[in-house]
Amino acid sequence: LYSSSAPRMVNSYKRTSSPRSPTNSGELFTPAHEENVRFIHDTWQCVLRDIRSPQSSERKDRGPQEYVEKNPNPNLNSFTPVDLSDLKKRNTQDSKKS
């Protein structure tokens, strides 16, 4: 039997379902897809709130922790995040022009 001593991320956030208006993008999403996206978004917002809260430094052993590279890769210094929604909009506009 394999056992790992590495700490595990435990998710104590509960799934909540709430109605959401459909998007106007023309894409159809199943209710399960909508629920999964909503769950991930809501849970991530809770994690961000917990990381930023003043009490988070007092309970480092129990709450979420932000990962910081011990030896950052110098090649990533010029990395800039990509806005996927903006990229999708531009690709959609480019395909309409052709």
PDB file of N, CA and C in Angstrom:
ATOM      1  N   LEU A   1       0.852  -1.189   0.000  1.00  0.00           N
ATOM      2  CA  LEU A   1       0.000   0.000   0.000  1.00  0.00           C
ATOM      3  C   LEU A   1       0.889   1.240   0.000  1.00  0.00           C
ATOM      4  N   TYR A   2       0.588   2.159  -0.878  1.00  0.00           N
ATOM      5  CA  TYR A   2       1.384   3.370  -1.029  1.00  0.00           C
ATOM      6  C   TYR A   2       0.797   4.474  -0.171  1.00  0.00           C
ATOM      7  N   SER A   3       1.638   5.095   0.635  1.00  0.00           N
ATOM      8  CA  SER A   3       1.160   6.245   1.399  1.00  0.00           C
ATOM      9  C   SER A   3       2.116   7.411   1.179  1.00  0.00           C
ATOM     10  N   SER A   4       1.551   8.581   1.077  1.00  0.00           N
ATOM     11  CA  SER A   4       2.348   9.772   0.806  1.00  0.00           C
ATOM     12  C   SER A   4       2.344  10.677   2.027  1.00  0.00           C
ATOM     13  N   SER A   5       3.505  11.248   2.326  1.00  0.00           N
ATOM     14  CA  SER A   5       3.568  12.166   3.457  1.00  0.00           C
ATOM     15  C   SER A   5       3.354  13.605   3.008  1.00  0.00           C
ATOM     16  N   ALA A   6       3.166  13.813   1.701  1.00  0.00           N
ATOM     17  CA  ALA A   6       2.962  15.165   1.183  1.00  0.00           C
ATOM     18  C   ALA A   6       1.596  15.687   1.636  1.00  0.00           C
ATOM     19  N   PRO A   7       1.526  16.978   1.984  1.00  0.00           N
ATOM     20  CA  PRO A   7       0.235  17.533   2.416  1.00  0.00           C
ATOM     21  C   PRO A   7      -0.755  17.548   1.261  1.00  0.00           C
ATOM     22  N   ARG A   8      -2.008  17.342   1.573  1.00  0.00           N
ATOM     23  CA  ARG A   8      -3.050  17.345   0.555  1.00  0.00           C
ATOM     24  C   ARG A   8      -3.913  18.581   0.711  1.00  0.00           C
ATOM     25  N   MET A   9      -4.435  19.052  -0.412  1.00  0.00           N
ATOM     26  CA  MET A   9      -5.361  20.181  -0.398  1.00  0.00           C
ATOM     27  C   MET A   9      -6.732  19.630  -0.047  1.00  0.00           C
ATOM     28  N   VAL A  10      -7.324  20.118   1.022  1.00  0.00           N
ATOM     29  CA  VAL A  10      -8.647  19.671   1.433  1.00  0.00           C
ATOM     30  C   VAL A  10      -9.639  20.784   1.152  1.00  0.00           C
ATOM     31  N   ASN A  11     -10.663  20.452   0.399  1.00  0.00           N
ATOM     32  CA  ASN A  11     -11.653  21.457   0.029  1.00  0.00           C
ATOM     33  C   ASN A  11     -12.825  21.360   0.990  1.00  0.00           C
ATOM     34  N   SER A  12     -12.992  22.369   1.824  1.00  0.00           N
ATOM     35  CA  SER A  12     -14.078  22.365   2.787  1.00  0.00           C
ATOM     36  C   SER A  12     -15.252  23.218   2.314  1.00  0.00           C
ATOM     37  N   TYR A  13     -15.180  23.730   1.093  1.00  0.00           N
ATOM     38  CA  TYR A  13     -16.246  24.569   0.572  1.00  0.00           C
ATOM     39  C   TYR A  13     -17.362  23.687   0.019  1.00  0.00           C
ATOM     40  N   LYS A  14     -18.588  24.098   0.229  1.00  0.00           N
ATOM     41  CA  LYS A  14     -19.747  23.322  -0.200  1.00  0.00           C
ATOM     42  C   LYS A  14     -20.251  23.824  -1.552  1.00  0.00           C
ATOM     43  N   ARG A  15     -20.715  22.895  -2.363  1.00  0.00           N
ATOM     44  CA  ARG A  15     -21.331  23.270  -3.636  1.00  0.00           C
ATOM     45  C   ARG A  15     -22.687  23.901  -3.372  1.00  0.00           C
ATOM     46  N   THR A  16     -22.948  24.991  -4.014  1.00  0.00           N
ATOM     47  CA  THR A  16     -24.272  25.597  -3.913  1.00  0.00           C
ATOM     48  C   THR A  16     -24.773  25.832  -5.323  1.00  0.00           C
ATOM     49  N   SER A  17     -26.027  25.554  -5.545  1.00  0.00           N
ATOM     50  CA  SER A  17     -26.572  25.777  -6.883  1.00  0.00           C
ATOM     51  C   SER A  17     -27.469  27.003  -6.845  1.00  0.00           C
ATOM     52  N   SER A  18     -27.315  27.826  -7.852  1.00  0.00           N
ATOM     53  CA  SER A  18     -28.154  29.009  -7.967  1.00  0.00           C
ATOM     54  C   SER A  18     -28.418  29.245  -9.446  1.00  0.00           C
ATOM     55  N   PRO A  19     -29.582  29.778  -9.785  1.00  0.00           N
ATOM     56  CA  PRO A  19     -29.885  29.995 -11.206  1.00  0.00           C
ATOM     57  C   PRO A  19     -28.981  31.054 -11.817  1.00  0.00           C
ATOM     58  N   ARG A  20     -28.656  30.878 -13.071  1.00  0.00           N
ATOM     59  CA  ARG A  20     -27.795  31.825 -13.758  1.00  0.00           C
ATOM     60  C   ARG A  20     -28.365  32.094 -15.139  1.00  0.00           C
ATOM     61  N   SER A  21     -28.322  33.321 -15.547  1.00  0.00           N
ATOM     62  CA  SER A  21     -28.881  33.648 -16.854  1.00  0.00           C
ATOM     63  C   SER A  21     -27.970  33.102 -17.950  1.00  0.00           C
ATOM     64  N   PRO A  22     -28.544  32.665 -19.063  1.00  0.00           N
ATOM     65  CA  PRO A  22     -27.726  32.127 -20.152  1.00  0.00           C
ATOM     66  C   PRO A  22     -26.872  33.219 -20.783  1.00  0.00           C
ATOM     67  N   THR A  23     -25.750  32.807 -21.335  1.00  0.00           N
ATOM     68  CA  THR A  23     -24.851  33.771 -21.975  1.00  0.00           C
ATOM     69  C   THR A  23     -25.359  34.065 -23.382  1.00  0.00           C
ATOM     70  N   ASN A  24     -24.955  35.192 -23.914  1.00  0.00           N
ATOM     71  CA  ASN A  24     -25.378  35.580 -25.252  1.00  0.00           C
ATOM     72  C   ASN A  24     -24.381  35.173 -26.325  1.00  0.00           C
ATOM     73  N   SER A  25     -23.419  34.328 -25.972  1.00  0.00           N
ATOM     74  CA  SER A  25     -22.368  33.973 -26.914  1.00  0.00           C
ATOM     75  C   SER A  25     -22.842  32.976 -27.961  1.00  0.00           C
ATOM     76  N   GLY A  26     -24.041  32.422 -27.785  1.00  0.00           N
ATOM     77  CA  GLY A  26     -24.527  31.450 -28.749  1.00  0.00           C
ATOM     78  C   GLY A  26     -24.080  30.037 -28.416  1.00  0.00           C
ATOM     79  N   GLU A  27     -23.242  29.866 -27.410  1.00  0.00           N
ATOM     80  CA  GLU A  27     -22.793  28.538 -27.015  1.00  0.00           C
ATOM     81  C   GLU A  27     -23.795  27.945 -26.039  1.00  0.00           C
ATOM     82  N   LEU A  28     -24.042  26.652 -26.172  1.00  0.00           N
ATOM     83  CA  LEU A  28     -24.957  25.980 -25.266  1.00  0.00           C
ATOM     84  C   LEU A  28     -24.170  25.185 -24.242  1.00  0.00           C
ATOM     85  N   PHE A  29     -24.457  25.415 -22.980  1.00  0.00           N
ATOM     86  CA  PHE A  29     -23.793  24.690 -21.912  1.00  0.00           C
ATOM     87  C   PHE A  29     -24.827  23.854 -21.180  1.00  0.00           C
ATOM     88  N   THR A  30     -24.452  22.654 -20.815  1.00  0.00           N
ATOM     89  CA  THR A  30     -25.361  21.800 -20.060  1.00  0.00           C
ATOM     90  C   THR A  30     -25.461  22.314 -18.631  1.00  0.00           C
ATOM     91  N   PRO A  31     -26.540  21.977 -17.923  1.00  0.00           N
ATOM     92  CA  PRO A  31     -26.649  22.381 -16.518  1.00  0.00           C
ATOM     93  C   PRO A  31     -25.477  21.871 -15.678  1.00  0.00           C
ATOM     94  N   ALA A  32     -24.970  20.685 -15.985  1.00  0.00           N
ATOM     95  CA  ALA A  32     -23.822  20.140 -15.239  1.00  0.00           C
ATOM     96  C   ALA A  32     -22.582  20.993 -15.466  1.00  0.00           C
ATOM     97  N   HIS A  33     -22.381  21.433 -16.723  1.00  0.00           N
ATOM     98  CA  HIS A  33     -21.235  22.300 -17.035  1.00  0.00           C
ATOM     99  C   HIS A  33     -21.351  23.614 -16.275  1.00  0.00           C
ATOM    100  N   GLU A  34     -22.550  24.209 -16.318  1.00  0.00           N
ATOM    101  CA  GLU A  34     -22.783  25.467 -15.601  1.00  0.00           C
ATOM    102  C   GLU A  34     -22.502  25.295 -14.111  1.00  0.00           C
ATOM    103  N   GLU A  35     -22.951  24.185 -13.536  1.00  0.00           N
ATOM    104  CA  GLU A  35     -22.753  23.951 -12.108  1.00  0.00           C
ATOM    105  C   GLU A  35     -21.269  23.804 -11.783  1.00  0.00           C
ATOM    106  N   ASN A  36     -20.536  23.091 -12.645  1.00  0.00           N
ATOM    107  CA  ASN A  36     -19.095  22.915 -12.410  1.00  0.00           C
ATOM    108  C   ASN A  36     -18.347  24.241 -12.502  1.00  0.00           C
ATOM    109  N   VAL A  37     -18.677  25.039 -13.502  1.00  0.00           N
ATOM    110  CA  VAL A  37     -18.014  26.341 -13.653  1.00  0.00           C
ATOM    111  C   VAL A  37     -18.324  27.229 -12.459  1.00  0.00           C
ATOM    112  N   ARG A  38     -19.588  27.252 -12.052  1.00  0.00           N
ATOM    113  CA  ARG A  38     -19.992  28.070 -10.906  1.00  0.00           C
ATOM    114  C   ARG A  38     -19.282  27.604  -9.636  1.00  0.00           C
ATOM    115  N   PHE A  39     -19.201  26.284  -9.447  1.00  0.00           N
ATOM    116  CA  PHE A  39     -18.536  25.738  -8.253  1.00  0.00           C
ATOM    117  C   PHE A  39     -17.059  26.134  -8.211  1.00  0.00           C
ATOM    118  N   ILE A  40     -16.372  25.977  -9.340  1.00  0.00           N
ATOM    119  CA  ILE A  40     -14.942  26.321  -9.386  1.00  0.00           C
ATOM    120  C   ILE A  40     -14.751  27.819  -9.156  1.00  0.00           C
ATOM    121  N   HIS A  41     -15.577  28.642  -9.799  1.00  0.00           N
ATOM    122  CA  HIS A  41     -15.459  30.093  -9.640  1.00  0.00           C
ATOM    123  C   HIS A  41     -15.702  30.507  -8.192  1.00  0.00           C
ATOM    124  N   ASP A  42     -16.804  30.006  -7.602  1.00  0.00           N
ATOM    125  CA  ASP A  42     -17.142  30.386  -6.224  1.00  0.00           C
ATOM    126  C   ASP A  42     -16.086  29.908  -5.236  1.00  0.00           C
ATOM    127  N   THR A  43     -15.591  28.680  -5.442  1.00  0.00           N
ATOM    128  CA  THR A  43     -14.569  28.136  -4.547  1.00  0.00           C
ATOM    129  C   THR A  43     -13.275  28.935  -4.661  1.00  0.00           C
ATOM    130  N   TRP A  44     -12.897  29.301  -5.892  1.00  0.00           N
ATOM    131  CA  TRP A  44     -11.671  30.090  -6.084  1.00  0.00           C
ATOM    132  C   TRP A  44     -11.806  31.459  -5.420  1.00  0.00           C
ATOM    133  N   GLN A  45     -12.998  32.076  -5.504  1.00  0.00           N
ATOM    134  CA  GLN A  45     -13.206  33.365  -4.846  1.00  0.00           C
ATOM    135  C   GLN A  45     -13.042  33.228  -3.331  1.00  0.00           C
ATOM    136  N   CYS A  46     -13.519  32.110  -2.764  1.00  0.00           N
ATOM    137  CA  CYS A  46     -13.350  31.863  -1.317  1.00  0.00           C
ATOM    138  C   CYS A  46     -11.882  31.699  -0.967  1.00  0.00           C
ATOM    139  N   VAL A  47     -11.137  30.986  -1.815  1.00  0.00           N
ATOM    140  CA  VAL A  47      -9.704  30.793  -1.560  1.00  0.00           C
ATOM    141  C   VAL A  47      -8.983  32.134  -1.594  1.00  0.00           C
ATOM    142  N   LEU A  48      -9.264  32.947  -2.615  1.00  0.00           N
ATOM    143  CA  LEU A  48      -8.624  34.266  -2.711  1.00  0.00           C
ATOM    144  C   LEU A  48      -8.953  35.119  -1.496  1.00  0.00           C
ATOM    145  N   ARG A  49     -10.207  35.094  -1.071  1.00  0.00           N
ATOM    146  CA  ARG A  49     -10.613  35.873   0.105  1.00  0.00           C
ATOM    147  C   ARG A  49      -9.864  35.389   1.345  1.00  0.00           C
ATOM    148  N   ASP A  50      -9.749  34.064   1.508  1.00  0.00           N
ATOM    149  CA  ASP A  50      -9.056  33.521   2.675  1.00  0.00           C
ATOM    150  C   ASP A  50      -7.571  33.867   2.669  1.00  0.00           C
ATOM    151  N   ILE A  51      -6.949  33.846   1.483  1.00  0.00           N
ATOM    152  CA  ILE A  51      -5.511  34.179   1.392  1.00  0.00           C
ATOM    153  C   ILE A  51      -5.280  35.634   1.771  1.00  0.00           C
ATOM    154  N   ARG A  52      -6.195  36.512   1.347  1.00  0.00           N
ATOM    155  CA  ARG A  52      -6.025  37.953   1.582  1.00  0.00           C
ATOM    156  C   ARG A  52      -6.451  38.397   2.977  1.00  0.00           C
ATOM    157  N   SER A  53      -7.176  37.538   3.694  1.00  0.00           N
ATOM    158  CA  SER A  53      -7.684  37.962   5.005  1.00  0.00           C
ATOM    159  C   SER A  53      -6.545  38.085   6.010  1.00  0.00           C
ATOM    160  N   PRO A  54      -6.629  39.048   6.932  1.00  0.00           N
ATOM    161  CA  PRO A  54      -5.553  39.257   7.916  1.00  0.00           C
ATOM    162  C   PRO A  54      -5.332  38.039   8.809  1.00  0.00           C
ATOM    163  N   GLN A  55      -6.361  37.224   9.012  1.00  0.00           N
ATOM    164  CA  GLN A  55      -6.202  36.063   9.878  1.00  0.00           C
ATOM    165  C   GLN A  55      -5.426  34.934   9.198  1.00  0.00           C
ATOM    166  N   SER A  56      -5.231  35.002   7.872  1.00  0.00           N
ATOM    167  CA  SER A  56      -4.599  33.889   7.164  1.00  0.00           C
ATOM    168  C   SER A  56      -3.176  33.627   7.637  1.00  0.00           C
ATOM    169  N   SER A  57      -2.456  34.672   8.067  1.00  0.00           N
ATOM    170  CA  SER A  57      -1.089  34.468   8.536  1.00  0.00           C
ATOM    171  C   SER A  57      -1.061  33.726   9.869  1.00  0.00           C
ATOM    172  N   GLU A  58      -2.151  33.816  10.633  1.00  0.00           N
ATOM    173  CA  GLU A  58      -2.209  33.134  11.925  1.00  0.00           C
ATOM    174  C   GLU A  58      -2.514  31.648  11.786  1.00  0.00           C
ATOM    175  N   ARG A  59      -3.118  31.236  10.668  1.00  0.00           N
ATOM    176  CA  ARG A  59      -3.521  29.838  10.526  1.00  0.00           C
ATOM    177  C   ARG A  59      -2.937  29.202   9.264  1.00  0.00           C
ATOM    178  N   LYS A  60      -1.648  29.440   9.045  1.00  0.00           N
ATOM    179  CA  LYS A  60      -0.977  28.929   7.856  1.00  0.00           C
ATOM    180  C   LYS A  60      -1.074  27.417   7.727  1.00  0.00           C
ATOM    181  N   ASP A  61      -1.154  26.716   8.867  1.00  0.00           N
ATOM    182  CA  ASP A  61      -1.182  25.259   8.811  1.00  0.00           C
ATOM    183  C   ASP A  61      -2.542  24.719   8.378  1.00  0.00           C
ATOM    184  N   ARG A  62      -3.614  25.524   8.480  1.00  0.00           N
ATOM    185  CA  ARG A  62      -4.959  25.029   8.184  1.00  0.00           C
ATOM    186  C   ARG A  62      -5.557  25.608   6.911  1.00  0.00           C
ATOM    187  N   GLY A  63      -5.308  26.851   6.624  1.00  0.00           N
ATOM    188  CA  GLY A  63      -5.956  27.507   5.488  1.00  0.00           C
ATOM    189  C   GLY A  63      -5.197  27.339   4.192  1.00  0.00           C
ATOM    190  N   PRO A  64      -5.715  27.950   3.119  1.00  0.00           N
ATOM    191  CA  PRO A  64      -5.026  27.884   1.826  1.00  0.00           C
ATOM    192  C   PRO A  64      -3.702  28.634   1.884  1.00  0.00           C
ATOM    193  N   GLN A  65      -2.731  28.139   1.145  1.00  0.00           N
ATOM    194  CA  GLN A  65      -1.424  28.782   1.102  1.00  0.00           C
ATOM    195  C   GLN A  65      -1.063  29.087  -0.340  1.00  0.00           C
ATOM    196  N   GLU A  66      -0.494  30.254  -0.547  1.00  0.00           N
ATOM    197  CA  GLU A  66      -0.067  30.637  -1.889  1.00  0.00           C
ATOM    198  C   GLU A  66       1.295  30.029  -2.166  1.00  0.00           C
ATOM    199  N   TYR A  67       1.443  29.381  -3.320  1.00  0.00           N
ATOM    200  CA  TYR A  67       2.705  28.741  -3.687  1.00  0.00           C
ATOM    201  C   TYR A  67       3.662  29.789  -4.239  1.00  0.00           C
ATOM    202  N   VAL A  68       4.877  29.796  -3.726  1.00  0.00           N
ATOM    203  CA  VAL A  68       5.902  30.710  -4.212  1.00  0.00           C
ATOM    204  C   VAL A  68       7.142  29.875  -4.533  1.00  0.00           C
ATOM    205  N   GLU A  69       7.671  30.037  -5.743  1.00  0.00           N
ATOM    206  CA  GLU A  69       8.856  29.291  -6.160  1.00  0.00           C
ATOM    207  C   GLU A  69      10.048  29.619  -5.257  1.00  0.00           C
ATOM    208  N   LYS A  70      10.753  28.591  -4.796  1.00  0.00           N
ATOM    209  CA  LYS A  70      11.965  28.829  -4.014  1.00  0.00           C
ATOM    210  C   LYS A  70      13.086  29.318  -4.910  1.00  0.00           C
ATOM    211  N   ASN A  71      13.177  28.750  -6.103  1.00  0.00           N
ATOM    212  CA  ASN A  71      14.187  29.154  -7.081  1.00  0.00           C
ATOM    213  C   ASN A  71      13.487  29.544  -8.381  1.00  0.00           C
ATOM    214  N   PRO A  72      13.049  30.811  -8.489  1.00  0.00           N
ATOM    215  CA  PRO A  72      12.310  31.228  -9.693  1.00  0.00           C
ATOM    216  C   PRO A  72      13.135  31.060 -10.964  1.00  0.00           C
ATOM    217  N   ASN A  73      12.453  30.689 -12.032  1.00  0.00           N
ATOM    218  CA  ASN A  73      13.108  30.524 -13.327  1.00  0.00           C
ATOM    219  C   ASN A  73      13.282  31.905 -13.961  1.00  0.00           C
ATOM    220  N   PRO A  74      14.516  32.343 -14.222  1.00  0.00           N
ATOM    221  CA  PRO A  74      14.730  33.687 -14.788  1.00  0.00           C
ATOM    222  C   PRO A  74      14.089  33.847 -16.168  1.00  0.00           C
ATOM    223  N   ASN A  75      13.849  32.736 -16.890  1.00  0.00           N
ATOM    224  CA  ASN A  75      13.213  32.835 -18.210  1.00  0.00           C
ATOM    225  C   ASN A  75      11.763  33.294 -18.107  1.00  0.00           C
ATOM    226  N   LEU A  76      11.169  33.174 -16.925  1.00  0.00           N
ATOM    227  CA  LEU A  76       9.765  33.548 -16.762  1.00  0.00           C
ATOM    228  C   LEU A  76       9.581  34.991 -16.310  1.00  0.00           C
ATOM    229  N   ASN A  77      10.663  35.750 -16.153  1.00  0.00           N
ATOM    230  CA  ASN A  77      10.552  37.135 -15.698  1.00  0.00           C
ATOM    231  C   ASN A  77       9.730  37.990 -16.656  1.00  0.00           C
ATOM    232  N   SER A  78       9.777  37.685 -17.943  1.00  0.00           N
ATOM    233  CA  SER A  78       9.046  38.486 -18.927  1.00  0.00           C
ATOM    234  C   SER A  78       7.666  37.908 -19.225  1.00  0.00           C
ATOM    235  N   PHE A  79       7.239  36.889 -18.486  1.00  0.00           N
ATOM    236  CA  PHE A  79       5.937  36.264 -18.727  1.00  0.00           C
ATOM    237  C   PHE A  79       4.800  37.214 -18.380  1.00  0.00           C
ATOM    238  N   THR A  80       3.836  37.321 -19.292  1.00  0.00           N
ATOM    239  CA  THR A  80       2.633  38.095 -19.002  1.00  0.00           C
ATOM    240  C   THR A  80       1.432  37.170 -19.220  1.00  0.00           C
ATOM    241  N   PRO A  81       0.497  37.151 -18.268  1.00  0.00           N
ATOM    242  CA  PRO A  81      -0.669  36.286 -18.412  1.00  0.00           C
ATOM    243  C   PRO A  81      -1.500  36.664 -19.636  1.00  0.00           C
ATOM    244  N   VAL A  82      -2.175  35.670 -20.206  1.00  0.00           N
ATOM    245  CA  VAL A  82      -3.016  35.884 -21.371  1.00  0.00           C
ATOM    246  C   VAL A  82      -4.466  35.972 -20.918  1.00  0.00           C
ATOM    247  N   ASP A  83      -5.176  36.980 -21.406  1.00  0.00           N
ATOM    248  CA  ASP A  83      -6.606  37.107 -21.120  1.00  0.00           C
ATOM    249  C   ASP A  83      -7.341  36.250 -22.145  1.00  0.00           C
ATOM    250  N   LEU A  84      -7.783  35.063 -21.713  1.00  0.00           N
ATOM    251  CA  LEU A  84      -8.381  34.120 -22.649  1.00  0.00           C
ATOM    252  C   LEU A  84      -9.684  34.637 -23.248  1.00  0.00           C
ATOM    253  N   SER A  85     -10.479  35.363 -22.461  1.00  0.00           N
ATOM    254  CA  SER A  85     -11.744  35.870 -23.010  1.00  0.00           C
ATOM    255  C   SER A  85     -11.468  36.908 -24.098  1.00  0.00           C
ATOM    256  N   ASP A  86     -10.440  37.733 -23.911  1.00  0.00           N
ATOM    257  CA  ASP A  86     -10.082  38.727 -24.921  1.00  0.00           C
ATOM    258  C   ASP A  86      -9.563  38.025 -26.173  1.00  0.00           C
ATOM    259  N   LEU A  87      -8.745  36.998 -25.987  1.00  0.00           N
ATOM    260  CA  LEU A  87      -8.200  36.242 -27.110  1.00  0.00           C
ATOM    261  C   LEU A  87      -9.328  35.587 -27.901  1.00  0.00           C
ATOM    262  N   LYS A  88     -10.311  35.038 -27.185  1.00  0.00           N
ATOM    263  CA  LYS A  88     -11.446  34.392 -27.847  1.00  0.00           C
ATOM    264  C   LYS A  88     -12.235  35.416 -28.666  1.00  0.00           C
ATOM    265  N   LYS A  89     -12.442  36.619 -28.082  1.00  0.00           N
ATOM    266  CA  LYS A  89     -13.169  37.673 -28.803  1.00  0.00           C
ATOM    267  C   LYS A  89     -12.442  38.042 -30.089  1.00  0.00           C
ATOM    268  N   ARG A  90     -11.119  38.202 -30.000  1.00  0.00           N
ATOM    269  CA  ARG A  90     -10.347  38.587 -31.177  1.00  0.00           C
ATOM    270  C   ARG A  90     -10.397  37.497 -32.239  1.00  0.00           C
ATOM    271  N   ASN A  91     -10.297  36.233 -31.822  1.00  0.00           N
ATOM    272  CA  ASN A  91     -10.359  35.130 -32.781  1.00  0.00           C
ATOM    273  C   ASN A  91     -11.717  35.065 -33.452  1.00  0.00           C
ATOM    274  N   THR A  92     -12.771  35.336 -32.689  1.00  0.00           N
ATOM    275  CA  THR A  92     -14.124  35.320 -33.243  1.00  0.00           C
ATOM    276  C   THR A  92     -14.287  36.449 -34.256  1.00  0.00           C
ATOM    277  N   GLN A  93     -13.762  37.624 -33.934  1.00  0.00           N
ATOM    278  CA  GLN A  93     -13.855  38.775 -34.843  1.00  0.00           C
ATOM    279  C   GLN A  93     -13.042  38.517 -36.111  1.00  0.00           C
ATOM    280  N   ASP A  94     -11.848  37.909 -35.957  1.00  0.00           N
ATOM    281  CA  ASP A  94     -10.998  37.606 -37.123  1.00  0.00           C
ATOM    282  C   ASP A  94     -11.691  36.606 -38.043  1.00  0.00           C
ATOM    283  N   SER A  95     -12.380  35.614 -37.478  1.00  0.00           N
ATOM    284  CA  SER A  95     -13.036  34.612 -38.323  1.00  0.00           C
ATOM    285  C   SER A  95     -14.231  35.204 -39.048  1.00  0.00           C
ATOM    286  N   LYS A  96     -14.865  36.232 -38.480  1.00  0.00           N
ATOM    287  CA  LYS A  96     -16.001  36.873 -39.147  1.00  0.00           C
ATOM    288  C   LYS A  96     -15.533  37.737 -40.314  1.00  0.00           C
ATOM    289  N   LYS A  97     -14.312  38.291 -40.243  1.00  0.00           N
ATOM    290  CA  LYS A  97     -13.794  39.169 -41.289  1.00  0.00           C
ATOM    291  C   LYS A  97     -13.457  38.383 -42.553  1.00  0.00           C
ATOM    292  N   SER A  98     -13.026  37.138 -42.400  1.00  0.00           N
ATOM    293  CA  SER A  98     -12.592  36.372 -43.576  1.00  0.00           C
ATOM    294  C   SER A  98     -13.724  35.722 -44.327  1.00  0.00           C
TER     295      SER A  98
END
